[in-house]
Every structure is written in structure tokens, then in C-alpha cells.
C-alpha atoms as a PDB file:
ATOM      1  CA  MET A   1     -33.068  40.315  30.858  1.00  0.00           C
ATOM      2  CA  LEU A   2     -30.926  40.922  33.971  1.00  0.00           C
ATOM      3  CA  LEU A   3     -31.551  37.387  35.249  1.00  0.00           C
ATOM      4  CA  THR A   4     -30.601  35.959  31.855  1.00  0.00           C
ATOM      5  CA  LEU A   5     -27.351  37.939  31.801  1.00  0.00           C
ATOM      6  CA  PHE A   6     -26.563  36.934  35.385  1.00  0.00           C
ATOM      7  CA  LEU A   7     -27.097  33.230  34.684  1.00  0.00           C
ATOM      8  CA  PHE A   8     -25.150  33.574  31.438  1.00  0.00           C
ATOM      9  CA  LEU A   9     -22.105  35.029  33.198  1.00  0.00           C
ATOM     10  CA  LEU A  10     -22.398  32.736  36.240  1.00  0.00           C
ATOM     11  CA  SER A  11     -22.546  29.583  34.119  1.00  0.00           C
ATOM     12  CA  ALA A  12     -19.583  30.771  32.012  1.00  0.00           C
ATOM     13  CA  VAL A  13     -17.492  31.319  35.167  1.00  0.00           C
ATOM     14  CA  LEU A  14     -18.491  27.896  36.522  1.00  0.00           C
ATOM     15  CA  ILE A  15     -17.518  26.230  33.246  1.00  0.00           C
ATOM     16  CA  TYR A  16     -14.119  27.926  33.314  1.00  0.00           C
ATOM     17  CA  LEU A  17     -13.429  26.952  36.938  1.00  0.00           C
ATOM     18  CA  ALA A  18     -14.592  23.384  36.315  1.00  0.00           C
ATOM     19  CA  CYS A  19     -12.344  23.204  33.235  1.00  0.00           C
ATOM     20  CA  GLU A  20      -9.385  24.155  35.438  1.00  0.00           C
ATOM     21  CA  TYR A  21     -10.126  21.111  37.604  1.00  0.00           C
ATOM     22  CA  PHE A  22     -10.887  18.928  34.570  1.00  0.00           C
ATOM     23  CA  VAL A  23      -7.623  19.547  32.692  1.00  0.00           C
ATOM     24  CA  ASN A  24      -5.682  19.087  35.924  1.00  0.00           C
ATOM     25  CA  GLY A  25      -7.423  15.797  36.703  1.00  0.00           C
ATOM     26  CA  VAL A  26      -7.365  14.373  33.189  1.00  0.00           C
ATOM     27  CA  GLU A  27      -3.593  14.942  32.926  1.00  0.00           C
ATOM     28  CA  TRP A  28      -3.088  12.851  36.077  1.00  0.00           C
ATOM     29  CA  VAL A  29      -5.426  10.155  34.737  1.00  0.00           C
ATOM     30  CA  GLY A  30      -3.426  10.087  31.504  1.00  0.00           C
ATOM     31  CA  HIS A  31      -0.205   9.843  33.520  1.00  0.00           C
ATOM     32  CA  ARG A  32      -1.576   6.960  35.604  1.00  0.00           C
ATOM     33  CA  PHE A  33      -2.458   5.056  32.424  1.00  0.00           C
ATOM     34  CA  SER A  34       0.960   5.906  30.905  1.00  0.00           C
ATOM     35  CA  MET A  35      -0.744   7.731  28.037  1.00  0.00           C
ATOM     36  CA  SER A  36       1.112  10.295  25.944  1.00  0.00           C
ATOM     37  CA  ALA A  37       0.140  13.953  26.103  1.00  0.00           C
ATOM     38  CA  THR A  38      -1.322  13.751  22.595  1.00  0.00           C
ATOM     39  CA  ALA A  39      -3.430  10.671  23.385  1.00  0.00           C
ATOM     40  CA  THR A  40      -4.596  12.266  26.648  1.00  0.00           C
ATOM     41  CA  GLY A  41      -5.829  15.267  24.688  1.00  0.00           C
ATOM     42  CA  THR A  42      -7.288  13.450  21.678  1.00  0.00           C
ATOM     43  CA  VAL A  43      -9.002  10.629  23.612  1.00  0.00           C
ATOM     44  CA  LEU A  44      -9.560  11.308  27.329  1.00  0.00           C
ATOM     45  CA  ALA A  45     -10.066  15.077  27.349  1.00  0.00           C
ATOM     46  CA  ALA A  46     -11.852  15.181  23.998  1.00  0.00           C
ATOM     47  CA  PHE A  47     -14.294  12.404  24.862  1.00  0.00           C
ATOM     48  CA  GLY A  48     -15.129  13.957  28.221  1.00  0.00           C
ATOM     49  CA  THR A  49     -15.799  17.466  26.950  1.00  0.00           C
ATOM     50  CA  ALA A  50     -17.554  16.292  23.764  1.00  0.00           C
ATOM     51  CA  LEU A  51     -19.974  14.089  25.700  1.00  0.00           C
ATOM     52  CA  PRO A  52     -22.517  16.889  26.420  1.00  0.00           C
ATOM     53  CA  GLU A  53     -22.777  17.811  22.709  1.00  0.00           C
ATOM     54  CA  SER A  54     -23.286  14.176  21.769  1.00  0.00           C
ATOM     55  CA  VAL A  55     -26.065  13.955  24.347  1.00  0.00           C
ATOM     56  CA  VAL A  56     -27.728  17.022  22.789  1.00  0.00           C
ATOM     57  CA  THR A  57     -27.720  15.305  19.408  1.00  0.00           C
ATOM     58  CA  PHE A  58     -28.979  12.026  20.892  1.00  0.00           C
ATOM     59  CA  MET A  59     -31.870  13.689  22.724  1.00  0.00           C
ATOM     60  CA  ALA A  60     -32.877  15.697  19.652  1.00  0.00           C
ATOM     61  CA  VAL A  61     -32.870  12.843  17.125  1.00  0.00           C
ATOM     62  CA  MET A  62     -34.211  10.187  19.502  1.00  0.00           C
ATOM     63  CA  PHE A  63     -36.959  12.068  21.300  1.00  0.00           C
ATOM     64  CA  GLY A  64     -37.770  14.916  18.912  1.00  0.00           C
ATOM     65  CA  GLN A  65     -41.462  14.872  18.085  1.00  0.00           C
ATOM     66  CA  THR A  66     -41.265  16.844  14.827  1.00  0.00           C
ATOM     67  CA  PRO A  67     -38.815  17.003  11.899  1.00  0.00           C
ATOM     68  CA  ALA A  68     -37.824  20.502  13.053  1.00  0.00           C
ATOM     69  CA  GLN A  69     -36.878  19.195  16.504  1.00  0.00           C
ATOM     70  CA  LYS A  70     -34.845  16.352  14.985  1.00  0.00           C
ATOM     71  CA  ASP A  71     -33.082  18.876  12.764  1.00  0.00           C
ATOM     72  CA  ILE A  72     -31.620  20.418  15.924  1.00  0.00           C
ATOM     73  CA  GLY A  73     -29.517  17.273  16.263  1.00  0.00           C
ATOM     74  CA  VAL A  74     -28.324  17.568  12.664  1.00  0.00           C
ATOM     75  CA  GLY A  75     -27.438  21.211  13.287  1.00  0.00           C
ATOM     76  CA  ALA A  76     -25.443  20.235  16.385  1.00  0.00           C
ATOM     77  CA  ALA A  77     -23.545  17.580  14.428  1.00  0.00           C
ATOM     78  CA  MET A  78     -22.562  20.186  11.808  1.00  0.00           C
ATOM     79  CA  GLY A  79     -22.166  23.230  14.043  1.00  0.00           C
ATOM     80  CA  GLY A  80     -19.740  21.576  16.459  1.00  0.00           C
ATOM     81  CA  PRO A  81     -16.974  20.928  13.895  1.00  0.00           C
ATOM     82  CA  LEU A  82     -17.494  24.437  12.483  1.00  0.00           C
ATOM     83  CA  VAL A  83     -16.791  26.078  15.841  1.00  0.00           C
ATOM     84  CA  LEU A  84     -13.897  23.763  16.715  1.00  0.00           C
ATOM     85  CA  SER A  85     -12.159  24.252  13.364  1.00  0.00           C
ATOM     86  CA  THR A  86     -12.485  28.044  13.513  1.00  0.00           C
ATOM     87  CA  VAL A  87     -13.149  29.583  16.938  1.00  0.00           C
ATOM     88  CA  ALA A  88     -11.299  26.988  19.042  1.00  0.00           C
ATOM     89  CA  TYR A  89      -8.145  27.055  16.914  1.00  0.00           C
ATOM     90  CA  ALA A  90      -8.332  30.855  16.735  1.00  0.00           C
ATOM     91  CA  VAL A  91      -8.399  31.078  20.544  1.00  0.00           C
ATOM     92  CA  VAL A  92      -5.210  28.997  20.684  1.00  0.00           C
ATOM     93  CA  GLY A  93      -3.645  31.256  18.066  1.00  0.00           C
ATOM     94  CA  TRP A  94      -4.503  34.508  19.823  1.00  0.00           C
ATOM     95  CA  VAL A  95      -3.241  33.252  23.181  1.00  0.00           C
ATOM     96  CA  LEU A  96      -0.001  32.108  21.528  1.00  0.00           C
ATOM     97  CA  LEU A  97       0.410  35.511  19.860  1.00  0.00           C
ATOM     98  CA  PHE A  98       0.017  37.172  23.239  1.00  0.00           C
ATOM     99  CA  MET A  99       2.592  34.823  24.746  1.00  0.00           C
ATOM    100  CA  VAL A 100       5.010  35.440  21.838  1.00  0.00           C
ATOM    101  CA  ARG A 101       5.044  39.112  22.698  1.00  0.00           C
ATOM    102  CA  LYS A 102       5.977  38.164  26.258  1.00  0.00           C
ATOM    103  CA  GLY A 103       8.604  35.682  25.090  1.00  0.00           C
ATOM    104  CA  GLN A 104       6.731  32.774  26.690  1.00  0.00           C
ATOM    105  CA  ALA A 105       5.141  31.016  23.717  1.00  0.00           C
ATOM    106  CA  PRO A 106       5.407  27.188  23.892  1.00  0.00           C
ATOM    107  CA  ARG A 107       6.825  25.449  20.841  1.00  0.00           C
ATOM    108  CA  VAL A 108       4.870  22.817  18.918  1.00  0.00           C
ATOM    109  CA  GLU A 109       7.413  20.214  17.806  1.00  0.00           C
ATOM    110  CA  GLN A 110       7.446  19.188  14.160  1.00  0.00           C
ATOM    111  CA  ASN A 111       6.685  15.525  14.930  1.00  0.00           C
ATOM    112  CA  VAL A 112       3.605  16.650  16.885  1.00  0.00           C
ATOM    113  CA  GLN A 113       2.512  18.774  13.920  1.00  0.00           C
ATOM    114  CA  GLN A 114       2.902  15.763  11.616  1.00  0.00           C
ATOM    115  CA  ARG A 115       0.743  13.648  13.908  1.00  0.00           C
ATOM    116  CA  LEU A 116      -1.911  16.357  14.146  1.00  0.00           C
ATOM    117  CA  ALA A 117      -1.814  16.618  10.349  1.00  0.00           C
ATOM    118  CA  ARG A 118      -2.696  12.912  10.146  1.00  0.00           C
ATOM    119  CA  ASP A 119      -5.598  13.513  12.543  1.00  0.00           C
ATOM    120  CA  GLN A 120      -6.865  16.357  10.370  1.00  0.00           C
ATOM    121  CA  ALA A 121      -6.555  14.150   7.279  1.00  0.00           C
ATOM    122  CA  TRP A 122      -8.735  11.547   9.016  1.00  0.00           C
ATOM    123  CA  PHE A 123     -11.229  14.247   9.931  1.00  0.00           C
ATOM    124  CA  MET A 124     -11.338  15.576   6.354  1.00  0.00           C
ATOM    125  CA  ALA A 125     -12.006  12.132   4.900  1.00  0.00           C
ATOM    126  CA  VAL A 126     -14.855  11.441   7.330  1.00  0.00           C
ATOM    127  CA  PHE A 127     -16.248  14.951   7.015  1.00  0.00           C
ATOM    128  CA  VAL A 128     -16.285  14.938   3.194  1.00  0.00           C
ATOM    129  CA  PHE A 129     -18.118  11.602   3.294  1.00  0.00           C
ATOM    130  CA  LYS A 130     -20.752  12.824   5.753  1.00  0.00           C
ATOM    131  CA  LEU A 131     -21.130  16.063   3.786  1.00  0.00           C
ATOM    132  CA  GLY A 132     -21.753  14.054   0.626  1.00  0.00           C
ATOM    133  CA  LEU A 133     -24.363  11.930   2.403  1.00  0.00           C
ATOM    134  CA  GLY A 134     -26.239  15.138   3.250  1.00  0.00           C
ATOM    135  CA  LEU A 135     -26.797  15.726  -0.464  1.00  0.00           C
ATOM    136  CA  LEU A 136     -28.118  12.250  -1.307  1.00  0.00           C
ATOM    137  CA  ALA A 137     -31.277  10.331  -0.471  1.00  0.00           C
ATOM    138  CA  PHE A 138     -31.384   6.517  -0.588  1.00  0.00           C
ATOM    139  CA  ALA A 139     -33.077   3.796   1.418  1.00  0.00           C
ATOM    140  CA  TRP A 140     -30.056   2.178   3.101  1.00  0.00           C
ATOM    141  CA  LYS A 141     -28.392   5.406   4.238  1.00  0.00           C
ATOM    142  CA  PRO A 142     -29.129   4.798   7.985  1.00  0.00           C
ATOM    143  CA  TRP A 143     -26.943   1.676   7.926  1.00  0.00           C
ATOM    144  CA  LEU A 144     -23.931   3.840   7.129  1.00  0.00           C
ATOM    145  CA  GLY A 145     -24.088   5.227  10.680  1.00  0.00           C
ATOM    146  CA  ILE A 146     -22.375   2.003  11.783  1.00  0.00           C
ATOM    147  CA  LEU A 147     -19.407   2.933   9.592  1.00  0.00           C
ATOM    148  CA  PHE A 148     -18.933   6.231  11.447  1.00  0.00           C
ATOM    149  CA  LEU A 149     -18.889   4.462  14.819  1.00  0.00           C
ATOM    150  CA  ALA A 150     -16.378   1.922  13.502  1.00  0.00           C
ATOM    151  CA  VAL A 151     -14.116   4.709  12.251  1.00  0.00           C
ATOM    152  CA  TYR A 152     -14.048   6.329  15.689  1.00  0.00           C
ATOM    153  CA  VAL A 153     -13.249   3.028  17.417  1.00  0.00           C
ATOM    154  CA  PHE A 154     -10.364   2.497  14.995  1.00  0.00           C
ATOM    155  CA  TYR A 155      -9.160   6.078  15.569  1.00  0.00           C
ATOM    156  CA  VAL A 156      -9.129   5.623  19.360  1.00  0.00           C
ATOM    157  CA  LYS A 157      -7.261   2.324  19.046  1.00  0.00           C
ATOM    158  CA  ARG A 158      -4.661   4.002  16.833  1.00  0.00           C
ATOM    159  CA  GLU A 159      -4.217   6.895  19.281  1.00  0.00           C
ATOM    160  CA  LEU A 160      -3.798   4.617  22.288  1.00  0.00           C
ATOM    161  CA  THR A 161      -1.259   2.342  20.600  1.00  0.00           C
ATOM    162  CA  HIS A 162       0.846   5.135  19.098  1.00  0.00           C
ATOM    163  CA  ASP A 163       4.466   4.913  20.223  1.00  0.00           C
ATOM    164  CA  GLU A 164       5.048   8.102  22.186  1.00  0.00           C
ATOM    165  CA  GLU A 165       6.403   9.008  25.615  1.00  0.00           C
ATOM    166  CA  GLY A 166       3.918   9.266  28.470  1.00  0.00           C
ATOM    167  CA  ILE A 167       3.277  12.394  30.531  1.00  0.00           C
ATOM    168  CA  ASP A 168       6.039  13.014  33.056  1.00  0.00           C
ATOM    169  CA  HIS A 169       4.581  13.652  36.512  1.00  0.00           C
ATOM    170  CA  GLU A 170       7.216  16.346  37.053  1.00  0.00           C
ATOM    171  CA  ASP A 171       5.500  18.403  34.341  1.00  0.00           C
ATOM    172  CA  LEU A 172       2.146  18.181  36.121  1.00  0.00           C
ATOM    173  CA  GLU A 173       0.706  20.601  38.619  1.00  0.00           C
ATOM    174  CA  PRO A 174      -0.428  19.025  41.929  1.00  0.00           C
ATOM    175  CA  LEU A 175      -3.897  17.522  41.840  1.00  0.00           C
ATOM    176  CA  LYS A 176      -6.220  20.278  43.033  1.00  0.00           C
ATOM    177  CA  LEU A 177      -8.140  18.010  45.405  1.00  0.00           C
ATOM    178  CA  ARG A 178      -4.900  16.533  46.843  1.00  0.00           C
ATOM    179  CA  PRO A 179      -2.311  19.322  46.509  1.00  0.00           C
ATOM    180  CA  SER A 180      -0.005  17.865  49.166  1.00  0.00           C
ATOM    181  CA  GLU A 181       0.436  14.487  47.427  1.00  0.00           C
ATOM    182  CA  ALA A 182       3.293  14.155  44.938  1.00  0.00           C
ATOM    183  CA  ARG A 183       1.615  11.180  43.219  1.00  0.00           C
ATOM    184  CA  PRO A 184      -2.157  11.144  43.819  1.00  0.00           C
ATOM    185  CA  SER A 185      -3.973   7.867  43.274  1.00  0.00           C
ATOM    186  CA  LEU A 186      -6.032   7.088  40.193  1.00  0.00           C
ATOM    187  CA  LEU A 187      -9.145   7.136  42.383  1.00  0.00           C
ATOM    188  CA  TRP A 188      -8.606  10.766  43.378  1.00  0.00           C
ATOM    189  CA  ALA A 189      -7.554  11.846  39.867  1.00  0.00           C
ATOM    190  CA  GLY A 190     -10.497  10.072  38.264  1.00  0.00           C
ATOM    191  CA  GLY A 191     -12.905  11.385  40.893  1.00  0.00           C
ATOM    192  CA  GLN A 192     -11.807  14.986  40.351  1.00  0.00           C
ATOM    193  CA  THR A 193     -12.085  14.558  36.580  1.00  0.00           C
ATOM    194  CA  LEU A 194     -15.608  13.101  36.750  1.00  0.00           C
ATOM    195  CA  LEU A 195     -16.774  15.696  39.273  1.00  0.00           C
ATOM    196  CA  ALA A 196     -15.451  18.518  37.099  1.00  0.00           C
ATOM    197  CA  LEU A 197     -17.093  16.948  34.047  1.00  0.00           C
ATOM    198  CA  ALA A 198     -20.450  16.818  35.861  1.00  0.00           C
ATOM    199  CA  VAL A 199     -20.180  20.528  36.730  1.00  0.00           C
ATOM    200  CA  ILE A 200     -19.207  21.322  33.129  1.00  0.00           C
ATOM    201  CA  ALA A 201     -22.245  19.416  31.817  1.00  0.00           C
ATOM    202  CA  ALA A 202     -24.679  21.091  34.234  1.00  0.00           C
ATOM    203  CA  ALA A 203     -23.264  24.599  33.722  1.00  0.00           C
ATOM    204  CA  SER A 204     -23.138  24.094  29.940  1.00  0.00           C
ATOM    205  CA  ARG A 205     -26.832  23.222  29.920  1.00  0.00           C
ATOM    206  CA  VAL A 206     -27.629  26.488  31.710  1.00  0.00           C
ATOM    207  CA  PHE A 207     -25.274  28.399  29.412  1.00  0.00           C
ATOM    208  CA  VAL A 208     -26.878  26.987  26.252  1.00  0.00           C
ATOM    209  CA  HIS A 209     -30.349  27.865  27.553  1.00  0.00           C
ATOM    210  CA  GLN A 210     -29.283  31.454  28.285  1.00  0.00           C
ATOM    211  CA  ILE A 211     -27.775  31.751  24.798  1.00  0.00           C
ATOM    212  CA  GLY A 212     -31.202  30.816  23.402  1.00  0.00           C
ATOM    213  CA  GLU A 213     -32.892  33.355  25.651  1.00  0.00           C
ATOM    214  CA  LEU A 214     -30.510  36.096  24.573  1.00  0.00           C
ATOM    215  CA  GLY A 215     -31.152  35.232  20.928  1.00  0.00           C
ATOM    216  CA  THR A 216     -34.896  35.553  21.513  1.00  0.00           C
ATOM    217  CA  LEU A 217     -34.505  38.869  23.361  1.00  0.00           C
ATOM    218  CA  MET A 218     -32.435  40.222  20.463  1.00  0.00           C
ATOM    219  CA  ASN A 219     -35.066  39.022  17.938  1.00  0.00           C
ATOM    220  CA  MET A 220     -32.483  36.794  16.312  1.00  0.00           C
ATOM    221  CA  SER A 221     -33.588  34.234  13.752  1.00  0.00           C
ATOM    222  CA  PRO A 222     -33.781  30.718  15.270  1.00  0.00           C
ATOM    223  CA  HIS A 223     -31.627  29.434  12.413  1.00  0.00           C
ATOM    224  CA  VAL A 224     -28.947  32.034  13.117  1.00  0.00           C
ATOM    225  CA  ALA A 225     -28.995  31.258  16.837  1.00  0.00           C
ATOM    226  CA  ALA A 226     -28.838  27.499  16.161  1.00  0.00           C
ATOM    227  CA  LEU A 227     -25.885  27.676  13.753  1.00  0.00           C
ATOM    228  CA  LEU A 228     -23.880  30.538  15.271  1.00  0.00           C
ATOM    229  CA  LEU A 229     -24.547  30.887  19.002  1.00  0.00           C
ATOM    230  CA  ALA A 230     -25.568  27.403  20.168  1.00  0.00           C
ATOM    231  CA  PRO A 231     -22.444  25.613  18.788  1.00  0.00           C
ATOM    232  CA  VAL A 232     -20.167  28.147  20.489  1.00  0.00           C
ATOM    233  CA  ALA A 233     -22.000  27.475  23.747  1.00  0.00           C
ATOM    234  CA  THR A 234     -21.778  23.687  23.467  1.00  0.00           C
ATOM    235  CA  GLU A 235     -18.098  23.793  22.444  1.00  0.00           C
ATOM    236  CA  LEU A 236     -17.166  26.206  25.239  1.00  0.00           C
ATOM    237  CA  PRO A 237     -15.505  23.479  27.391  1.00  0.00           C
ATOM    238  CA  GLU A 238     -13.120  22.553  24.563  1.00  0.00           C
ATOM    239  CA  ILE A 239     -12.357  26.221  23.916  1.00  0.00           C
ATOM    240  CA  LEU A 240     -11.651  26.884  27.591  1.00  0.00           C
ATOM    241  CA  ASN A 241      -9.565  23.705  27.932  1.00  0.00           C
ATOM    242  CA  ALA A 242      -7.442  24.901  25.018  1.00  0.00           C
ATOM    243  CA  PHE A 243      -7.101  28.352  26.582  1.00  0.00           C
ATOM    244  CA  ILE A 244      -6.004  26.907  29.928  1.00  0.00           C
ATOM    245  CA  TRP A 245      -3.486  24.474  28.431  1.00  0.00           C
ATOM    246  CA  VAL A 246      -1.893  27.090  26.163  1.00  0.00           C
ATOM    247  CA  ARG A 247      -1.651  29.497  29.080  1.00  0.00           C
ATOM    248  CA  GLN A 248       0.186  26.745  30.983  1.00  0.00           C
ATOM    249  CA  GLY A 249       2.611  26.307  28.085  1.00  0.00           C
ATOM    250  CA  LYS A 250       1.026  23.021  26.905  1.00  0.00           C
ATOM    251  CA  ALA A 251       0.030  23.881  23.332  1.00  0.00           C
ATOM    252  CA  ARG A 252       0.444  20.217  22.384  1.00  0.00           C
ATOM    253  CA  LEU A 253      -2.367  19.181  24.734  1.00  0.00           C
ATOM    254  CA  ALA A 254      -4.567  22.083  23.605  1.00  0.00           C
ATOM    255  CA  LEU A 255      -4.259  21.228  19.921  1.00  0.00           C
ATOM    256  CA  ALA A 256      -4.703  17.502  20.596  1.00  0.00           C
ATOM    257  CA  ASN A 257      -7.892  18.184  22.576  1.00  0.00           C
ATOM    258  CA  ILE A 258      -9.398  20.172  19.700  1.00  0.00           C
ATOM    259  CA  SER A 259      -8.294  17.580  17.144  1.00  0.00           C
ATOM    260  CA  GLY A 260      -9.764  14.708  19.162  1.00  0.00           C
ATOM    261  CA  ALA A 261     -13.018  16.561  19.801  1.00  0.00           C
ATOM    262  CA  MET A 262     -13.354  17.181  16.072  1.00  0.00           C
ATOM    263  CA  MET A 263     -13.040  13.457  15.362  1.00  0.00           C
ATOM    264  CA  ILE A 264     -15.778  12.750  17.894  1.00  0.00           C
ATOM    265  CA  GLN A 265     -18.014  15.421  16.374  1.00  0.00           C
ATOM    266  CA  ALA A 266     -17.404  14.022  12.900  1.00  0.00           C
ATOM    267  CA  THR A 267     -18.396  10.485  13.875  1.00  0.00           C
ATOM    268  CA  ILE A 268     -20.600   9.888  16.933  1.00  0.00           C
ATOM    269  CA  PRO A 269     -23.179  12.733  16.571  1.00  0.00           C
ATOM    270  CA  SER A 270     -23.154  12.146  12.815  1.00  0.00           C
ATOM    271  CA  ALA A 271     -23.885   8.445  13.287  1.00  0.00           C
ATOM    272  CA  LEU A 272     -26.832   9.301  15.556  1.00  0.00           C
ATOM    273  CA  GLY A 273     -28.172  11.777  13.006  1.00  0.00           C
ATOM    274  CA  ILE A 274     -27.803   9.324  10.129  1.00  0.00           C
ATOM    275  CA  PHE A 275     -29.524   6.564  12.141  1.00  0.00           C
ATOM    276  CA  MET A 276     -32.548   8.661  13.125  1.00  0.00           C
ATOM    277  CA  THR A 277     -33.055  11.406  10.502  1.00  0.00           C
ATOM    278  CA  PRO A 278     -33.105  11.695   6.679  1.00  0.00           C
ATOM    279  CA  TRP A 279     -29.717  13.503   6.980  1.00  0.00           C
ATOM    280  CA  LEU A 280     -30.417  15.958   4.157  1.00  0.00           C
ATOM    281  CA  PHE A 281     -28.836  19.418   4.219  1.00  0.00           C
ATOM    282  CA  ASP A 282     -30.335  22.780   3.373  1.00  0.00           C
ATOM    283  CA  ALA A 283     -28.179  25.708   2.191  1.00  0.00           C
ATOM    284  CA  PRO A 284     -27.048  26.909   5.674  1.00  0.00           C
ATOM    285  CA  LEU A 285     -25.992  23.408   6.760  1.00  0.00           C
ATOM    286  CA  LEU A 286     -24.151  22.833   3.480  1.00  0.00           C
ATOM    287  CA  MET A 287     -22.382  26.187   3.754  1.00  0.00           C
ATOM    288  CA  SER A 288     -21.347  25.446   7.353  1.00  0.00           C
ATOM    289  CA  GLY A 289     -19.792  22.209   6.121  1.00  0.00           C
ATOM    290  CA  LEU A 290     -17.917  23.912   3.279  1.00  0.00           C
ATOM    291  CA  VAL A 291     -16.547  26.600   5.615  1.00  0.00           C
ATOM    292  CA  THR A 292     -15.427  23.912   8.086  1.00  0.00           C
ATOM    293  CA  LEU A 293     -13.684  22.041   5.287  1.00  0.00           C
ATOM    294  CA  ALA A 294     -11.941  25.188   4.028  1.00  0.00           C
ATOM    295  CA  ALA A 295     -10.574  25.965   7.497  1.00  0.00           C
ATOM    296  CA  ILE A 296      -9.294  22.423   8.005  1.00  0.00           C
ATOM    297  CA  VAL A 297      -7.670  22.218   4.567  1.00  0.00           C
ATOM    298  CA  MET A 298      -5.710  25.384   5.367  1.00  0.00           C
ATOM    299  CA  LEU A 299      -4.569  23.996   8.729  1.00  0.00           C
ATOM    300  CA  TRP A 300      -3.743  20.577   7.284  1.00  0.00           C
ATOM    301  CA  LEU A 301      -1.520  22.089   4.583  1.00  0.00           C
ATOM    302  CA  ARG A 302       0.450  23.995   7.228  1.00  0.00           C
ATOM    303  CA  LEU A 303       0.634  21.113   9.713  1.00  0.00           C
ATOM    304  CA  ARG A 304       1.908  18.538   7.218  1.00  0.00           C
ATOM    305  CA  ARG A 305       4.795  20.891   6.365  1.00  0.00           C
ATOM    306  CA  GLY A 306       5.499  21.538  10.041  1.00  0.00           C
ATOM    307  CA  ARG A 307       4.847  25.238   9.500  1.00  0.00           C
ATOM    308  CA  ILE A 308       1.894  25.943  11.770  1.00  0.00           C
ATOM    309  CA  THR A 309       2.194  29.326  13.482  1.00  0.00           C
ATOM    310  CA  ALA A 310       0.203  31.296  16.030  1.00  0.00           C
ATOM    311  CA  ARG A 311      -0.801  33.722  13.286  1.00  0.00           C
ATOM    312  CA  THR A 312      -2.127  30.898  11.083  1.00  0.00           C
ATOM    313  CA  LEU A 313      -4.225  29.535  13.944  1.00  0.00           C
ATOM    314  CA  ALA A 314      -5.543  33.007  14.740  1.00  0.00           C
ATOM    315  CA  TRP A 315      -6.626  33.483  11.124  1.00  0.00           C
ATOM    316  CA  THR A 316      -8.981  30.484  11.303  1.00  0.00           C
ATOM    317  CA  GLY A 317     -11.416  32.687  13.208  1.00  0.00           C
ATOM    318  CA  GLY A 318     -11.926  34.600   9.978  1.00  0.00           C
ATOM    319  CA  PHE A 319     -13.739  31.603   8.467  1.00  0.00           C
ATOM    320  CA  TYR A 320     -16.310  31.773  11.263  1.00  0.00           C
ATOM    321  CA  LEU A 321     -16.824  35.501  10.649  1.00  0.00           C
ATOM    322  CA  LEU A 322     -17.283  34.864   6.924  1.00  0.00           C
ATOM    323  CA  PHE A 323     -19.921  32.249   7.678  1.00  0.00           C
ATOM    324  CA  ALA A 324     -21.685  34.643  10.072  1.00  0.00           C
ATOM    325  CA  VAL A 325     -21.771  37.347   7.374  1.00  0.00           C
ATOM    326  CA  TRP A 326     -23.084  34.875   4.790  1.00  0.00           C
ATOM    327  CA  LEU A 327     -25.738  33.578   7.179  1.00  0.00           C
ATOM    328  CA  ALA A 328     -26.898  37.121   7.973  1.00  0.00           C
ATOM    329  CA  TRP A 329     -27.114  37.843   4.238  1.00  0.00           C
ATOM    330  CA  TYR A 330     -28.946  34.589   3.508  1.00  0.00           C
ATOM    331  CA  PHE A 331     -31.685  35.139   6.082  1.00  0.00           C
ATOM    332  CA  GLY A 332     -31.838  38.864   5.432  1.00  0.00           C
ATOM    333  CA  ALA A 333     -32.127  38.535   1.669  1.00  0.00           C
END
């Protein structure tokens, strides 16, 4: 038990420290490619931090020996968006509320909210489609996985070609590996980003394993651990990235990172699951999808009106708590 707790805390600290280096490096990479802050968050940062979760899904559906093992991949594809749409946004909200009290809260411009609203609309359309597929069985369903990959490619192309100002190097902190250089090279910025990503992936693997061990020690149902604890563990890099960026006054990057990670989770892991499994949902998976959709609809309605607030973001965490209560009731009934 003590070893499990030690590794749990150690891996969490390593993930946080690596995220500090990752967000610093990825901002410089985005600057070197003349990418906007939103595109840096939705594409570069999101793809990097979402890669470990996609690997989890790939390994489960590709090399799982039993239907139960393959179902782990399906659970990851559904649990990731649930945590991002509730816990991750709630973390941003609570940090912003804390900063409001100190008079330091960064402002999210209305045009940024409108763009994020479009991202959430894309996510909702894809998510409703994949949720519907989980209720149907037909022979050519696996071929629809190609559609999900095509949607993500189109989304990335749209993000990269969006007309928006690039990141100003004067707004960036010095590159941590080259603090004395005013304009570090792409090689150093990319190297720091990849090194930090490797540490995040390795520490996340240890963290996820310790979460499973803690669930076993607490006699927690495997289903509860898989749908509640494991997704939080795998989405920890995105949550910590958001925390770091909001603390630095860069709420735009934090929200873009979450939004981009959600699009990845809605497409790439889903495509893998649809390719390799029957992609049929039981009650807990269906409920997780409905809760995710409810949280995103609420955020989308506020974003499209340019009325997102720290309090609204903080309230999204309530959807996760409701799902936890329902899941406890379902398996306890």
C-alpha cells in the first residue's frame, strides 16, 4: 500500500513537472511555425498529450485476447471525452475563480469563444454519431471508422488554415532548456517538447497502473475503476496543461487544448474501436456518453453567445459527480 501511494504521488509530480516543460516547448514550436495560440492548443498540444490515451485504445483493441480486454479500449474512447468535458473544464473554471478573487483572471475574448463554440459543435456532431453507432449492429459498421479519421484530418486542416495572429515571442517565457536565448531554435524547442512528452507518457503509464492498484486495494468494482478513475489518470496531462496555462494567464491556450483533445478523443480512439470491436454499448457506457453530451451542450450554448464564465466552467464538474453517483447506484443496486 505504501509503495503504491509513493509511486502514485511520484508519478503525479513527474507528470506535472514534465507538463511545465511541455507547454513551454510547444508554445515555442507553435511560434516557430507561425501558428496561432488557438491552433497551437487544439492541434500541437492536444495531439501530443492525447497520444498516450490513443495508444491505450490501440493496444487494447488490437492485442486484446478476450472481448473483455477489447472493451477496455471502448471504455477509454468513451471515458476520455467524459473527463475532458467535465473535470478538465471544471479545473479551468476553479482556477479562474481563484484568480478573479485576486483580480488576475485572464479574459477570454468573444471571437475566441465563438471559435471554441464551433469546435464544440463539431465535437457534438461526431459524438452523437458515434453514440448512435454504439446502439446499432450491422455488418459494414467497421468501415465507418474511416469516416472518423477523415473528419479529424479535415478538422486539423481547418485549424491550421484559420486566419488568426501567431503567438508573439514577447508573450513567451524563455525556453527552459535554453533560458539565455531570446529566440531558441526549432531544434531545441522541438527537442524539449518531445523529451517532456516522453516523460509524460512514461509517468502516465505508472500513474494509471497505480490507480488500478488503489482501486483493487479499496475493493472497487473494475467497471467503476475503468469508467471513473482510469480516464482521469489518462487525461491528467491535459488537465495539468490547462492548469498551468490558466495560471500563466493564457486561458485561451488552456481551453483550446481541451477542445482539441476532445476532437482527438472523439475520432481517433473511436475509429480504432469501430475497426476492431463490435462497438456496442452497455448501460454505463451509454450513460457516460449522455453525461458528456449534456456537459458539452451547456458549454456550447454559453460559448456561442460569448457568455462563458469561470463559474459556468466550474459547474461542469457537477456532471462528473452525477455520473459517479449514478454509477455507484447502478453497480450497488
